[in-house]
Amino acid sequence: MKIYDFICLDEDARYQAVWDNGTYVDSKAKDAIICQLYAINDFFVELHYHLATNKLIGNLPFKQGEHLEKYLP
């Protein structure tokens, strides 16, 4: 799967693609949101969870840049 294919999916299919094809990399917490980073082939997807409701509230696919850098030591 390429990033463009992922972006073309509807929201539910994106989450399913992450769970079926993604490899968990790391997590970061900020305020009431937990961000989990997954790798799929040559791109990454950040899933956003709301702590209080324990629900998925968003996803962000990317290949590089500041979104990836925040996971580096």
C-alpha atoms as a PDB file:
ATOM      1  CA  MET A   1       0.000   0.000   0.000  1.00  0.00           C
ATOM      2  CA  LYS A   2       1.252   3.470  -0.877  1.00  0.00           C
ATOM      3  CA  ILE A   3       0.415   6.658   1.005  1.00  0.00           C
ATOM      4  CA  TYR A   4      -1.879   7.867  -1.789  1.00  0.00           C
ATOM      5  CA  ASP A   5      -3.877   4.621  -1.626  1.00  0.00           C
ATOM      6  CA  PHE A   6      -4.193   5.092   2.132  1.00  0.00           C
ATOM      7  CA  ILE A   7      -5.366   8.701   1.801  1.00  0.00           C
ATOM      8  CA  CYS A   8      -8.079   7.621  -0.680  1.00  0.00           C
ATOM      9  CA  LEU A   9      -9.625   5.231   1.865  1.00  0.00           C
ATOM     10  CA  ASP A  10     -12.550   6.266   4.041  1.00  0.00           C
ATOM     11  CA  GLU A  11     -11.866   6.732   7.755  1.00  0.00           C
ATOM     12  CA  ASP A  12     -12.913   3.245   8.875  1.00  0.00           C
ATOM     13  CA  ALA A  13     -10.861   1.606   6.126  1.00  0.00           C
ATOM     14  CA  ARG A  14      -7.826   3.679   7.149  1.00  0.00           C
ATOM     15  CA  TYR A  15      -8.004   2.377  10.714  1.00  0.00           C
ATOM     16  CA  GLN A  16      -8.439  -1.174   9.460  1.00  0.00           C
ATOM     17  CA  ALA A  17      -5.428  -0.758   7.146  1.00  0.00           C
ATOM     18  CA  VAL A  18      -3.300   0.409  10.069  1.00  0.00           C
ATOM     19  CA  TRP A  19      -4.331  -2.546  12.221  1.00  0.00           C
ATOM     20  CA  ASP A  20      -3.952  -5.060   9.370  1.00  0.00           C
ATOM     21  CA  ASN A  21      -0.752  -3.741   7.753  1.00  0.00           C
ATOM     22  CA  GLY A  22       0.882  -1.408  10.252  1.00  0.00           C
ATOM     23  CA  THR A  23       3.780  -2.050  12.577  1.00  0.00           C
ATOM     24  CA  TYR A  24       3.621  -0.231  15.904  1.00  0.00           C
ATOM     25  CA  VAL A  25       6.601   2.107  16.383  1.00  0.00           C
ATOM     26  CA  ASP A  26       6.030   4.393  19.396  1.00  0.00           C
ATOM     27  CA  SER A  27       3.571   6.462  21.454  1.00  0.00           C
ATOM     28  CA  LYS A  28       3.534  10.006  22.785  1.00  0.00           C
ATOM     29  CA  ALA A  29       1.079  11.619  25.176  1.00  0.00           C
ATOM     30  CA  LYS A  30       0.175  15.288  25.253  1.00  0.00           C
ATOM     31  CA  ASP A  31      -2.606  16.687  27.418  1.00  0.00           C
ATOM     32  CA  ALA A  32      -5.608  14.381  26.958  1.00  0.00           C
ATOM     33  CA  ILE A  33      -4.420  12.892  23.632  1.00  0.00           C
ATOM     34  CA  ILE A  34      -2.259   9.842  22.985  1.00  0.00           C
ATOM     35  CA  CYS A  35      -0.566   9.636  19.595  1.00  0.00           C
ATOM     36  CA  GLN A  36       0.515   6.202  18.383  1.00  0.00           C
ATOM     37  CA  LEU A  37       2.904   5.901  15.462  1.00  0.00           C
ATOM     38  CA  TYR A  38       2.626   3.012  12.992  1.00  0.00           C
ATOM     39  CA  ALA A  39       4.737   2.223   9.918  1.00  0.00           C
ATOM     40  CA  ILE A  40       3.136   0.925   6.733  1.00  0.00           C
ATOM     41  CA  ASN A  41       5.564   0.184   3.901  1.00  0.00           C
ATOM     42  CA  ASP A  42       7.244   3.524   3.097  1.00  0.00           C
ATOM     43  CA  PHE A  43       5.065   5.876   5.180  1.00  0.00           C
ATOM     44  CA  PHE A  44       3.845   6.414   8.725  1.00  0.00           C
ATOM     45  CA  VAL A  45       0.415   6.907  10.268  1.00  0.00           C
ATOM     46  CA  GLU A  46      -0.192   8.630  13.566  1.00  0.00           C
ATOM     47  CA  LEU A  47      -3.399   7.574  15.326  1.00  0.00           C
ATOM     48  CA  HIS A  48      -4.890   9.991  17.864  1.00  0.00           C
ATOM     49  CA  TYR A  49      -6.790   8.703  20.896  1.00  0.00           C
ATOM     50  CA  HIS A  50      -8.725  10.817  23.388  1.00  0.00           C
ATOM     51  CA  LEU A  51      -7.898   9.583  26.893  1.00  0.00           C
ATOM     52  CA  ALA A  52     -11.134  10.575  28.618  1.00  0.00           C
ATOM     53  CA  THR A  53     -13.381   8.825  26.093  1.00  0.00           C
ATOM     54  CA  ASN A  54     -10.861   6.167  24.965  1.00  0.00           C
ATOM     55  CA  LYS A  55     -11.908   6.779  21.350  1.00  0.00           C
ATOM     56  CA  LEU A  56     -10.025   7.303  18.128  1.00  0.00           C
ATOM     57  CA  ILE A  57     -10.318  10.926  17.090  1.00  0.00           C
ATOM     58  CA  GLY A  58      -8.085  11.125  14.052  1.00  0.00           C
ATOM     59  CA  ASN A  59      -5.250   9.845  11.903  1.00  0.00           C
ATOM     60  CA  LEU A  60      -2.398  11.534  10.107  1.00  0.00           C
ATOM     61  CA  PRO A  61      -0.440   9.840   7.299  1.00  0.00           C
ATOM     62  CA  PHE A  62       3.022  11.234   6.447  1.00  0.00           C
ATOM     63  CA  LYS A  63       6.441  10.240   5.137  1.00  0.00           C
ATOM     64  CA  GLN A  64       8.860  12.578   6.923  1.00  0.00           C
ATOM     65  CA  GLY A  65       9.252  15.929   8.604  1.00  0.00           C
ATOM     66  CA  GLU A  66       8.231  17.394  11.932  1.00  0.00           C
ATOM     67  CA  HIS A  67       5.552  14.777  12.589  1.00  0.00           C
ATOM     68  CA  LEU A  68       8.211  12.053  12.521  1.00  0.00           C
ATOM     69  CA  GLU A  69      10.880  14.085  14.299  1.00  0.00           C
ATOM     70  CA  LYS A  70       8.890  14.330  17.520  1.00  0.00           C
ATOM     71  CA  TYR A  71       9.378  10.560  17.960  1.00  0.00           C
ATOM     72  CA  LEU A  72      13.160  10.798  17.723  1.00  0.00           C
ATOM     73  CA  PRO A  73      15.214  10.971  20.952  1.00  0.00           C
END
